[in-house]
Amino acid sequence: DDILAEMGVAPTATKDKSRSRTPALPKV
């Protein structure tokens, strides 16, 4: 969220910081 702020972007969703594993990037 700090990086988003650095970019001037306001988050549109609340980030779940408790998850232990990140899924793969969205695929086409």
mmCIF file of all heavy atoms, coordinates in Angstrom:
data_MODEL
# 
_entry.id   MODEL 
# 
loop_
_atom_site.group_PDB 
_atom_site.id 
_atom_site.type_symbol 
_atom_site.label_atom_id 
_atom_site.label_alt_id 
_atom_site.label_comp_id 
_atom_site.label_asym_id 
_atom_site.label_entity_id 
_atom_site.label_seq_id 
_atom_site.pdbx_PDB_ins_code 
_atom_site.Cartn_x 
_atom_site.Cartn_y 
_atom_site.Cartn_z 
_atom_site.occupancy 
_atom_site.B_iso_or_equiv 
_atom_site.pdbx_formal_charge 
_atom_site.auth_seq_id 
_atom_site.auth_comp_id 
_atom_site.auth_asym_id 
_atom_site.auth_atom_id 
_atom_site.pdbx_PDB_model_num 
ATOM 1   N N   . ASP A 1 1  ? 0.823   -1.208  0.000   1.00 0.00 ? 1  ASP A N   1 
ATOM 2   C CA  . ASP A 1 1  ? 0.000   0.000   0.000   1.00 0.00 ? 1  ASP A CA  1 
ATOM 3   C C   . ASP A 1 1  ? 0.863   1.266   0.000   1.00 0.00 ? 1  ASP A C   1 
ATOM 4   O O   . ASP A 1 1  ? 0.478   2.289   -0.572  1.00 0.00 ? 1  ASP A O   1 
ATOM 5   C CB  . ASP A 1 1  ? -0.939  0.007   1.210   1.00 0.00 ? 1  ASP A CB  1 
ATOM 6   C CG  . ASP A 1 1  ? -2.098  -0.970  1.057   1.00 0.00 ? 1  ASP A CG  1 
ATOM 7   O OD1 . ASP A 1 1  ? -2.456  -1.278  -0.104  1.00 0.00 ? 1  ASP A OD1 1 
ATOM 8   O OD2 . ASP A 1 1  ? -2.635  -1.430  2.079   1.00 0.00 ? 1  ASP A OD2 1 
ATOM 9   N N   . ASP A 1 2  ? 2.021   1.180   0.622   1.00 0.00 ? 2  ASP A N   1 
ATOM 10  C CA  . ASP A 1 2  ? 2.940   2.321   0.588   1.00 0.00 ? 2  ASP A CA  1 
ATOM 11  C C   . ASP A 1 2  ? 3.437   2.581   -0.832  1.00 0.00 ? 2  ASP A C   1 
ATOM 12  O O   . ASP A 1 2  ? 3.601   3.739   -1.243  1.00 0.00 ? 2  ASP A O   1 
ATOM 13  C CB  . ASP A 1 2  ? 4.135   2.067   1.511   1.00 0.00 ? 2  ASP A CB  1 
ATOM 14  C CG  . ASP A 1 2  ? 3.746   2.093   2.986   1.00 0.00 ? 2  ASP A CG  1 
ATOM 15  O OD1 . ASP A 1 2  ? 2.594   2.466   3.284   1.00 0.00 ? 2  ASP A OD1 1 
ATOM 16  O OD2 . ASP A 1 2  ? 4.582   1.742   3.821   1.00 0.00 ? 2  ASP A OD2 1 
ATOM 17  N N   . ILE A 1 3  ? 3.682   1.502   -1.569  1.00 0.00 ? 3  ILE A N   1 
ATOM 18  C CA  . ILE A 1 3  ? 4.137   1.645   -2.957  1.00 0.00 ? 3  ILE A CA  1 
ATOM 19  C C   . ILE A 1 3  ? 3.015   2.250   -3.803  1.00 0.00 ? 3  ILE A C   1 
ATOM 20  O O   . ILE A 1 3  ? 3.258   3.101   -4.664  1.00 0.00 ? 3  ILE A O   1 
ATOM 21  C CB  . ILE A 1 3  ? 4.584   0.296   -3.531  1.00 0.00 ? 3  ILE A CB  1 
ATOM 22  C CG1 . ILE A 1 3  ? 5.754   -0.270  -2.722  1.00 0.00 ? 3  ILE A CG1 1 
ATOM 23  C CG2 . ILE A 1 3  ? 4.969   0.442   -4.992  1.00 0.00 ? 3  ILE A CG2 1 
ATOM 24  C CD1 . ILE A 1 3  ? 6.959   0.648   -2.653  1.00 0.00 ? 3  ILE A CD1 1 
ATOM 25  N N   . LEU A 1 4  ? 1.779   1.816   -3.559  1.00 0.00 ? 4  LEU A N   1 
ATOM 26  C CA  . LEU A 1 4  ? 0.641   2.400   -4.271  1.00 0.00 ? 4  LEU A CA  1 
ATOM 27  C C   . LEU A 1 4  ? 0.561   3.901   -3.990  1.00 0.00 ? 4  LEU A C   1 
ATOM 28  O O   . LEU A 1 4  ? 0.314   4.709   -4.895  1.00 0.00 ? 4  LEU A O   1 
ATOM 29  C CB  . LEU A 1 4  ? -0.657  1.703   -3.861  1.00 0.00 ? 4  LEU A CB  1 
ATOM 30  C CG  . LEU A 1 4  ? -0.900  0.315   -4.462  1.00 0.00 ? 4  LEU A CG  1 
ATOM 31  C CD1 . LEU A 1 4  ? -2.079  -0.360  -3.766  1.00 0.00 ? 4  LEU A CD1 1 
ATOM 32  C CD2 . LEU A 1 4  ? -1.158  0.406   -5.958  1.00 0.00 ? 4  LEU A CD2 1 
ATOM 33  N N   . ALA A 1 5  ? 0.768   4.262   -2.742  1.00 0.00 ? 5  ALA A N   1 
ATOM 34  C CA  . ALA A 1 5  ? 0.744   5.683   -2.384  1.00 0.00 ? 5  ALA A CA  1 
ATOM 35  C C   . ALA A 1 5  ? 1.869   6.423   -3.095  1.00 0.00 ? 5  ALA A C   1 
ATOM 36  O O   . ALA A 1 5  ? 1.682   7.562   -3.555  1.00 0.00 ? 5  ALA A O   1 
ATOM 37  C CB  . ALA A 1 5  ? 0.874   5.836   -0.869  1.00 0.00 ? 5  ALA A CB  1 
ATOM 38  N N   . GLU A 1 6  ? 3.019   5.784   -3.192  1.00 0.00 ? 6  GLU A N   1 
ATOM 39  C CA  . GLU A 1 6  ? 4.157   6.387   -3.892  1.00 0.00 ? 6  GLU A CA  1 
ATOM 40  C C   . GLU A 1 6  ? 3.817   6.635   -5.355  1.00 0.00 ? 6  GLU A C   1 
ATOM 41  O O   . GLU A 1 6  ? 4.275   7.601   -5.970  1.00 0.00 ? 6  GLU A O   1 
ATOM 42  C CB  . GLU A 1 6  ? 5.368   5.453   -3.795  1.00 0.00 ? 6  GLU A CB  1 
ATOM 43  C CG  . GLU A 1 6  ? 6.656   6.005   -4.351  1.00 0.00 ? 6  GLU A CG  1 
ATOM 44  C CD  . GLU A 1 6  ? 7.243   7.108   -3.472  1.00 0.00 ? 6  GLU A CD  1 
ATOM 45  O OE1 . GLU A 1 6  ? 7.276   6.949   -2.232  1.00 0.00 ? 6  GLU A OE1 1 
ATOM 46  O OE2 . GLU A 1 6  ? 7.657   8.126   -4.052  1.00 0.00 ? 6  GLU A OE2 1 
ATOM 47  N N   . MET A 1 7  ? 2.971   5.763   -5.914  1.00 0.00 ? 7  MET A N   1 
ATOM 48  C CA  . MET A 1 7  ? 2.551   5.884   -7.312  1.00 0.00 ? 7  MET A CA  1 
ATOM 49  C C   . MET A 1 7  ? 1.350   6.802   -7.476  1.00 0.00 ? 7  MET A C   1 
ATOM 50  O O   . MET A 1 7  ? 0.905   7.034   -8.601  1.00 0.00 ? 7  MET A O   1 
ATOM 51  C CB  . MET A 1 7  ? 2.225   4.498   -7.871  1.00 0.00 ? 7  MET A CB  1 
ATOM 52  C CG  . MET A 1 7  ? 3.387   3.518   -7.879  1.00 0.00 ? 7  MET A CG  1 
ATOM 53  S SD  . MET A 1 7  ? 2.880   1.828   -8.290  1.00 0.00 ? 7  MET A SD  1 
ATOM 54  C CE  . MET A 1 7  ? 2.363   2.048   -9.991  1.00 0.00 ? 7  MET A CE  1 
ATOM 55  N N   . GLY A 1 8  ? 0.781   7.264   -6.360  1.00 0.00 ? 8  GLY A N   1 
ATOM 56  C CA  . GLY A 1 8  ? -0.398  8.113   -6.430  1.00 0.00 ? 8  GLY A CA  1 
ATOM 57  C C   . GLY A 1 8  ? -1.673  7.346   -6.705  1.00 0.00 ? 8  GLY A C   1 
ATOM 58  O O   . GLY A 1 8  ? -2.629  7.887   -7.255  1.00 0.00 ? 8  GLY A O   1 
ATOM 59  N N   . VAL A 1 9  ? -1.681  6.061   -6.303  1.00 0.00 ? 9  VAL A N   1 
ATOM 60  C CA  . VAL A 1 9  ? -2.846  5.203   -6.539  1.00 0.00 ? 9  VAL A CA  1 
ATOM 61  C C   . VAL A 1 9  ? -3.521  4.887   -5.210  1.00 0.00 ? 9  VAL A C   1 
ATOM 62  O O   . VAL A 1 9  ? -2.868  4.441   -4.255  1.00 0.00 ? 9  VAL A O   1 
ATOM 63  C CB  . VAL A 1 9  ? -2.429  3.882   -7.232  1.00 0.00 ? 9  VAL A CB  1 
ATOM 64  C CG1 . VAL A 1 9  ? -3.637  2.966   -7.390  1.00 0.00 ? 9  VAL A CG1 1 
ATOM 65  C CG2 . VAL A 1 9  ? -1.793  4.176   -8.585  1.00 0.00 ? 9  VAL A CG2 1 
ATOM 66  N N   . ALA A 1 10 ? -4.819  5.114   -5.138  1.00 0.00 ? 10 ALA A N   1 
ATOM 67  C CA  . ALA A 1 10 ? -5.587  4.790   -3.938  1.00 0.00 ? 10 ALA A CA  1 
ATOM 68  C C   . ALA A 1 10 ? -6.126  3.368   -4.068  1.00 0.00 ? 10 ALA A C   1 
ATOM 69  O O   . ALA A 1 10 ? -6.797  3.045   -5.054  1.00 0.00 ? 10 ALA A O   1 
ATOM 70  C CB  . ALA A 1 10 ? -6.744  5.768   -3.761  1.00 0.00 ? 10 ALA A CB  1 
ATOM 71  N N   . PRO A 1 11 ? -5.837  2.465   -3.125  1.00 0.00 ? 11 PRO A N   1 
ATOM 72  C CA  . PRO A 1 11 ? -6.326  1.081   -3.204  1.00 0.00 ? 11 PRO A CA  1 
ATOM 73  C C   . PRO A 1 11 ? -7.849  1.033   -3.292  1.00 0.00 ? 11 PRO A C   1 
ATOM 74  O O   . PRO A 1 11 ? -8.540  1.794   -2.614  1.00 0.00 ? 11 PRO A O   1 
ATOM 75  C CB  . PRO A 1 11 ? -5.825  0.453   -1.895  1.00 0.00 ? 11 PRO A CB  1 
ATOM 76  C CG  . PRO A 1 11 ? -4.675  1.312   -1.482  1.00 0.00 ? 11 PRO A CG  1 
ATOM 77  C CD  . PRO A 1 11 ? -5.042  2.699   -1.923  1.00 0.00 ? 11 PRO A CD  1 
ATOM 78  N N   . THR A 1 12 ? -8.351  0.154   -4.142  1.00 0.00 ? 12 THR A N   1 
ATOM 79  C CA  . THR A 1 12 ? -9.796  -0.013  -4.277  1.00 0.00 ? 12 THR A CA  1 
ATOM 80  C C   . THR A 1 12 ? -10.299 -1.232  -3.527  1.00 0.00 ? 12 THR A C   1 
ATOM 81  O O   . THR A 1 12 ? -11.477 -1.547  -3.546  1.00 0.00 ? 12 THR A O   1 
ATOM 82  C CB  . THR A 1 12 ? -10.180 -0.152  -5.758  1.00 0.00 ? 12 THR A CB  1 
ATOM 83  O OG1 . THR A 1 12 ? -9.483  -1.271  -6.326  1.00 0.00 ? 12 THR A OG1 1 
ATOM 84  C CG2 . THR A 1 12 ? -9.804  1.106   -6.533  1.00 0.00 ? 12 THR A CG2 1 
ATOM 85  N N   . ALA A 1 13 ? -9.361  -1.963  -2.888  1.00 0.00 ? 13 ALA A N   1 
ATOM 86  C CA  . ALA A 1 13 ? -9.725  -3.157  -2.136  1.00 0.00 ? 13 ALA A CA  1 
ATOM 87  C C   . ALA A 1 13 ? -8.822  -3.251  -0.913  1.00 0.00 ? 13 ALA A C   1 
ATOM 88  O O   . ALA A 1 13 ? -7.719  -2.719  -0.898  1.00 0.00 ? 13 ALA A O   1 
ATOM 89  C CB  . ALA A 1 13 ? -9.590  -4.406  -2.993  1.00 0.00 ? 13 ALA A CB  1 
ATOM 90  N N   . THR A 1 14 ? -9.318  -3.942  0.123   1.00 0.00 ? 14 THR A N   1 
ATOM 91  C CA  . THR A 1 14 ? -8.520  -4.144  1.322   1.00 0.00 ? 14 THR A CA  1 
ATOM 92  C C   . THR A 1 14 ? -7.636  -5.356  1.133   1.00 0.00 ? 14 THR A C   1 
ATOM 93  O O   . THR A 1 14 ? -8.117  -6.436  0.793   1.00 0.00 ? 14 THR A O   1 
ATOM 94  C CB  . THR A 1 14 ? -9.434  -4.358  2.546   1.00 0.00 ? 14 THR A CB  1 
ATOM 95  O OG1 . THR A 1 14 ? -10.277 -3.223  2.695   1.00 0.00 ? 14 THR A OG1 1 
ATOM 96  C CG2 . THR A 1 14 ? -8.598  -4.561  3.800   1.00 0.00 ? 14 THR A CG2 1 
ATOM 97  N N   . LYS A 1 15 ? -6.349  -5.185  1.353   1.00 0.00 ? 15 LYS A N   1 
ATOM 98  C CA  . LYS A 1 15 ? -5.413  -6.286  1.145   1.00 0.00 ? 15 LYS A CA  1 
ATOM 99  C C   . LYS A 1 15 ? -5.412  -7.227  2.330   1.00 0.00 ? 15 LYS A C   1 
ATOM 100 O O   . LYS A 1 15 ? -5.362  -6.804  3.484   1.00 0.00 ? 15 LYS A O   1 
ATOM 101 C CB  . LYS A 1 15 ? -3.994  -5.749  0.929   1.00 0.00 ? 15 LYS A CB  1 
ATOM 102 C CG  . LYS A 1 15 ? -3.019  -6.840  0.513   1.00 0.00 ? 15 LYS A CG  1 
ATOM 103 C CD  . LYS A 1 15 ? -1.672  -6.251  0.171   1.00 0.00 ? 15 LYS A CD  1 
ATOM 104 C CE  . LYS A 1 15 ? -0.777  -7.290  -0.484  1.00 0.00 ? 15 LYS A CE  1 
ATOM 105 N NZ  . LYS A 1 15 ? -0.663  -8.510  0.304   1.00 0.00 ? 15 LYS A NZ  1 
ATOM 106 N N   . ASP A 1 16 ? -5.469  -8.532  2.028   1.00 0.00 ? 16 ASP A N   1 
ATOM 107 C CA  . ASP A 1 16 ? -5.379  -9.547  3.068   1.00 0.00 ? 16 ASP A CA  1 
ATOM 108 C C   . ASP A 1 16 ? -3.900  -9.834  3.318   1.00 0.00 ? 16 ASP A C   1 
ATOM 109 O O   . ASP A 1 16 ? -3.251  -10.519 2.537   1.00 0.00 ? 16 ASP A O   1 
ATOM 110 C CB  . ASP A 1 16 ? -6.106  -10.823 2.622   1.00 0.00 ? 16 ASP A CB  1 
ATOM 111 C CG  . ASP A 1 16 ? -6.005  -11.936 3.660   1.00 0.00 ? 16 ASP A CG  1 
ATOM 112 O OD1 . ASP A 1 16 ? -5.506  -11.656 4.763   1.00 0.00 ? 16 ASP A OD1 1 
ATOM 113 O OD2 . ASP A 1 16 ? -6.411  -13.072 3.348   1.00 0.00 ? 16 ASP A OD2 1 
ATOM 114 N N   . LYS A 1 17 ? -3.362  -9.308  4.382   1.00 0.00 ? 17 LYS A N   1 
ATOM 115 C CA  . LYS A 1 17 ? -1.941  -9.482  4.676   1.00 0.00 ? 17 LYS A CA  1 
ATOM 116 C C   . LYS A 1 17 ? -1.652  -10.747 5.478   1.00 0.00 ? 17 LYS A C   1 
ATOM 117 O O   . LYS A 1 17 ? -0.507  -11.023 5.805   1.00 0.00 ? 17 LYS A O   1 
ATOM 118 C CB  . LYS A 1 17 ? -1.416  -8.269  5.447   1.00 0.00 ? 17 LYS A CB  1 
ATOM 119 C CG  . LYS A 1 17 ? -1.469  -6.971  4.636   1.00 0.00 ? 17 LYS A CG  1 
ATOM 120 C CD  . LYS A 1 17 ? -0.802  -5.833  5.374   1.00 0.00 ? 17 LYS A CD  1 
ATOM 121 C CE  . LYS A 1 17 ? -0.813  -4.560  4.528   1.00 0.00 ? 17 LYS A CE  1 
ATOM 122 N NZ  . LYS A 1 17 ? -0.099  -3.449  5.190   1.00 0.00 ? 17 LYS A NZ  1 
ATOM 123 N N   . SER A 1 18 ? -2.691  -11.521 5.771   1.00 0.00 ? 18 SER A N   1 
ATOM 124 C CA  . SER A 1 18 ? -2.487  -12.708 6.592   1.00 0.00 ? 18 SER A CA  1 
ATOM 125 C C   . SER A 1 18 ? -2.211  -13.952 5.769   1.00 0.00 ? 18 SER A C   1 
ATOM 126 O O   . SER A 1 18 ? -1.778  -14.956 6.291   1.00 0.00 ? 18 SER A O   1 
ATOM 127 C CB  . SER A 1 18 ? -3.733  -12.967 7.446   1.00 0.00 ? 18 SER A CB  1 
ATOM 128 O OG  . SER A 1 18 ? -4.851  -13.272 6.617   1.00 0.00 ? 18 SER A OG  1 
ATOM 129 N N   . ARG A 1 19 ? -2.461  -13.908 4.466   1.00 0.00 ? 19 ARG A N   1 
ATOM 130 C CA  . ARG A 1 19 ? -2.283  -15.106 3.655   1.00 0.00 ? 19 ARG A CA  1 
ATOM 131 C C   . ARG A 1 19 ? -0.807  -15.467 3.591   1.00 0.00 ? 19 ARG A C   1 
ATOM 132 O O   . ARG A 1 19 ? 0.062   -14.618 3.522   1.00 0.00 ? 19 ARG A O   1 
ATOM 133 C CB  . ARG A 1 19 ? -2.850  -14.907 2.244   1.00 0.00 ? 19 ARG A CB  1 
ATOM 134 C CG  . ARG A 1 19 ? -2.220  -13.767 1.470   1.00 0.00 ? 19 ARG A CG  1 
ATOM 135 C CD  . ARG A 1 19 ? -2.897  -13.637 0.133   1.00 0.00 ? 19 ARG A CD  1 
ATOM 136 N NE  . ARG A 1 19 ? -2.269  -12.573 -0.653  1.00 0.00 ? 19 ARG A NE  1 
ATOM 137 C CZ  . ARG A 1 19 ? -2.416  -12.431 -1.945  1.00 0.00 ? 19 ARG A CZ  1 
ATOM 138 N NH1 . ARG A 1 19 ? -3.167  -13.276 -2.606  1.00 0.00 ? 19 ARG A NH1 1 
ATOM 139 N NH2 . ARG A 1 19 ? -1.821  -11.453 -2.587  1.00 0.00 ? 19 ARG A NH2 1 
ATOM 140 N N   . SER A 1 20 ? -0.521  -16.762 3.592   1.00 0.00 ? 20 SER A N   1 
ATOM 141 C CA  . SER A 1 20 ? 0.865   -17.213 3.635   1.00 0.00 ? 20 SER A CA  1 
ATOM 142 C C   . SER A 1 20 ? 1.416   -17.537 2.264   1.00 0.00 ? 20 SER A C   1 
ATOM 143 O O   . SER A 1 20 ? 2.605   -17.726 2.103   1.00 0.00 ? 20 SER A O   1 
ATOM 144 C CB  . SER A 1 20 ? 0.981   -18.460 4.518   1.00 0.00 ? 20 SER A CB  1 
ATOM 145 O OG  . SER A 1 20 ? 0.167   -19.498 3.994   1.00 0.00 ? 20 SER A OG  1 
ATOM 146 N N   . ARG A 1 21 ? 0.557   -17.608 1.275   1.00 0.00 ? 21 ARG A N   1 
ATOM 147 C CA  . ARG A 1 21 ? 1.042   -17.965 -0.059  1.00 0.00 ? 21 ARG A CA  1 
ATOM 148 C C   . ARG A 1 21 ? 0.320   -17.134 -1.098  1.00 0.00 ? 21 ARG A C   1 
ATOM 149 O O   . ARG A 1 21 ? -0.882  -16.933 -1.031  1.00 0.00 ? 21 ARG A O   1 
ATOM 150 C CB  . ARG A 1 21 ? 0.805   -19.464 -0.345  1.00 0.00 ? 21 ARG A CB  1 
ATOM 151 C CG  . ARG A 1 21 ? 1.435   -19.924 -1.647  1.00 0.00 ? 21 ARG A CG  1 
ATOM 152 C CD  . ARG A 1 21 ? 1.250   -21.432 -1.815  1.00 0.00 ? 21 ARG A CD  1 
ATOM 153 N NE  . ARG A 1 21 ? 1.915   -21.911 -3.011  1.00 0.00 ? 21 ARG A NE  1 
ATOM 154 C CZ  . ARG A 1 21 ? 1.363   -21.869 -4.219  1.00 0.00 ? 21 ARG A CZ  1 
ATOM 155 N NH1 . ARG A 1 21 ? 0.160   -21.374 -4.376  1.00 0.00 ? 21 ARG A NH1 1 
ATOM 156 N NH2 . ARG A 1 21 ? 2.018   -22.325 -5.279  1.00 0.00 ? 21 ARG A NH2 1 
ATOM 157 N N   . THR A 1 22 ? 1.052   -16.662 -2.087  1.00 0.00 ? 22 THR A N   1 
ATOM 158 C CA  . THR A 1 22 ? 0.485   -15.823 -3.128  1.00 0.00 ? 22 THR A CA  1 
ATOM 159 C C   . THR A 1 22 ? 0.150   -16.664 -4.351  1.00 0.00 ? 22 THR A C   1 
ATOM 160 O O   . THR A 1 22 ? 1.012   -17.395 -4.846  1.00 0.00 ? 22 THR A O   1 
ATOM 161 C CB  . THR A 1 22 ? 1.479   -14.724 -3.551  1.00 0.00 ? 22 THR A CB  1 
ATOM 162 O OG1 . THR A 1 22 ? 1.797   -13.953 -2.400  1.00 0.00 ? 22 THR A OG1 1 
ATOM 163 C CG2 . THR A 1 22 ? 0.874   -13.822 -4.613  1.00 0.00 ? 22 THR A CG2 1 
ATOM 164 N N   . PRO A 1 23 ? -1.078  -16.606 -4.873  1.00 0.00 ? 23 PRO A N   1 
ATOM 165 C CA  . PRO A 1 23 ? -1.407  -17.362 -6.078  1.00 0.00 ? 23 PRO A CA  1 
ATOM 166 C C   . PRO A 1 23 ? -0.699  -16.793 -7.290  1.00 0.00 ? 23 PRO A C   1 
ATOM 167 O O   . PRO A 1 23 ? -0.132  -15.708 -7.246  1.00 0.00 ? 23 PRO A O   1 
ATOM 168 C CB  . PRO A 1 23 ? -2.928  -17.172 -6.194  1.00 0.00 ? 23 PRO A CB  1 
ATOM 169 C CG  . PRO A 1 23 ? -3.189  -15.882 -5.491  1.00 0.00 ? 23 PRO A CG  1 
ATOM 170 C CD  . PRO A 1 23 ? -2.204  -15.826 -4.363  1.00 0.00 ? 23 PRO A CD  1 
ATOM 171 N N   . ALA A 1 24 ? -0.742  -17.542 -8.390  1.00 0.00 ? 24 ALA A N   1 
ATOM 172 C CA  . ALA A 1 24 ? -0.075  -17.098 -9.609  1.00 0.00 ? 24 ALA A CA  1 
ATOM 173 C C   . ALA A 1 24 ? -0.718  -15.828 -10.136 1.00 0.00 ? 24 ALA A C   1 
ATOM 174 O O   . ALA A 1 24 ? -1.885  -15.536 -9.852  1.00 0.00 ? 24 ALA A O   1 
ATOM 175 C CB  . ALA A 1 24 ? -0.158  -18.201 -10.664 1.00 0.00 ? 24 ALA A CB  1 
ATOM 176 N N   . LEU A 1 25 ? 0.051   -15.069 -10.903 1.00 0.00 ? 25 LEU A N   1 
ATOM 177 C CA  . LEU A 1 25 ? -0.476  -13.855 -11.514 1.00 0.00 ? 25 LEU A CA  1 
ATOM 178 C C   . LEU A 1 25 ? -1.645  -14.192 -12.417 1.00 0.00 ? 25 LEU A C   1 
ATOM 179 O O   . LEU A 1 25 ? -1.700  -15.289 -12.993 1.00 0.00 ? 25 LEU A O   1 
ATOM 180 C CB  . LEU A 1 25 ? 0.615   -13.157 -12.329 1.00 0.00 ? 25 LEU A CB  1 
ATOM 181 C CG  . LEU A 1 25 ? 1.699   -12.444 -11.504 1.00 0.00 ? 25 LEU A CG  1 
ATOM 182 C CD1 . LEU A 1 25 ? 2.818   -12.011 -12.423 1.00 0.00 ? 25 LEU A CD1 1 
ATOM 183 C CD2 . LEU A 1 25 ? 1.123   -11.240 -10.785 1.00 0.00 ? 25 LEU A CD2 1 
ATOM 184 N N   . PRO A 1 26 ? -2.606  -13.268 -12.577 1.00 0.00 ? 26 PRO A N   1 
ATOM 185 C CA  . PRO A 1 26 ? -3.748  -13.532 -13.447 1.00 0.00 ? 26 PRO A CA  1 
ATOM 186 C C   . PRO A 1 26 ? -3.296  -13.907 -14.849 1.00 0.00 ? 26 PRO A C   1 
ATOM 187 O O   . PRO A 1 26 ? -2.390  -13.300 -15.401 1.00 0.00 ? 26 PRO A O   1 
ATOM 188 C CB  . PRO A 1 26 ? -4.488  -12.178 -13.445 1.00 0.00 ? 26 PRO A CB  1 
ATOM 189 C CG  . PRO A 1 26 ? -4.048  -11.504 -12.207 1.00 0.00 ? 26 PRO A CG  1 
ATOM 190 C CD  . PRO A 1 26 ? -2.644  -11.940 -11.962 1.00 0.00 ? 26 PRO A CD  1 
ATOM 191 N N   . LYS A 1 27 ? -3.930  -14.907 -15.432 1.00 0.00 ? 27 LYS A N   1 
ATOM 192 C CA  . LYS A 1 27 ? -3.578  -15.342 -16.773 1.00 0.00 ? 27 LYS A CA  1 
ATOM 193 C C   . LYS A 1 27 ? -4.654  -14.922 -17.758 1.00 0.00 ? 27 LYS A C   1 
ATOM 194 O O   . LYS A 1 27 ? -5.817  -14.781 -17.411 1.00 0.00 ? 27 LYS A O   1 
ATOM 195 C CB  . LYS A 1 27 ? -3.412  -16.874 -16.820 1.00 0.00 ? 27 LYS A CB  1 
ATOM 196 C CG  . LYS A 1 27 ? -2.247  -17.365 -15.962 1.00 0.00 ? 27 LYS A CG  1 
ATOM 197 C CD  . LYS A 1 27 ? -2.086  -18.860 -16.095 1.00 0.00 ? 27 LYS A CD  1 
ATOM 198 C CE  . LYS A 1 27 ? -0.905  -19.361 -15.273 1.00 0.00 ? 27 LYS A CE  1 
ATOM 199 N NZ  . LYS A 1 27 ? -0.748  -20.821 -15.381 1.00 0.00 ? 27 LYS A NZ  1 
ATOM 200 N N   . VAL A 1 28 ? -4.231  -14.752 -18.980 1.00 0.00 ? 28 VAL A N   1 
ATOM 201 C CA  . VAL A 1 28 ? -5.177  -14.382 -20.022 1.00 0.00 ? 28 VAL A CA  1 
ATOM 202 C C   . VAL A 1 28 ? -6.106  -15.548 -20.287 1.00 0.00 ? 28 VAL A C   1 
ATOM 203 O O   . VAL A 1 28 ? -5.679  -16.694 -20.403 1.00 0.00 ? 28 VAL A O   1 
ATOM 204 C CB  . VAL A 1 28 ? -4.421  -14.022 -21.322 1.00 0.00 ? 28 VAL A CB  1 
ATOM 205 C CG1 . VAL A 1 28 ? -5.404  -13.764 -22.446 1.00 0.00 ? 28 VAL A CG1 1 
ATOM 206 C CG2 . VAL A 1 28 ? -3.552  -12.803 -21.096 1.00 0.00 ? 28 VAL A CG2 1 
# 
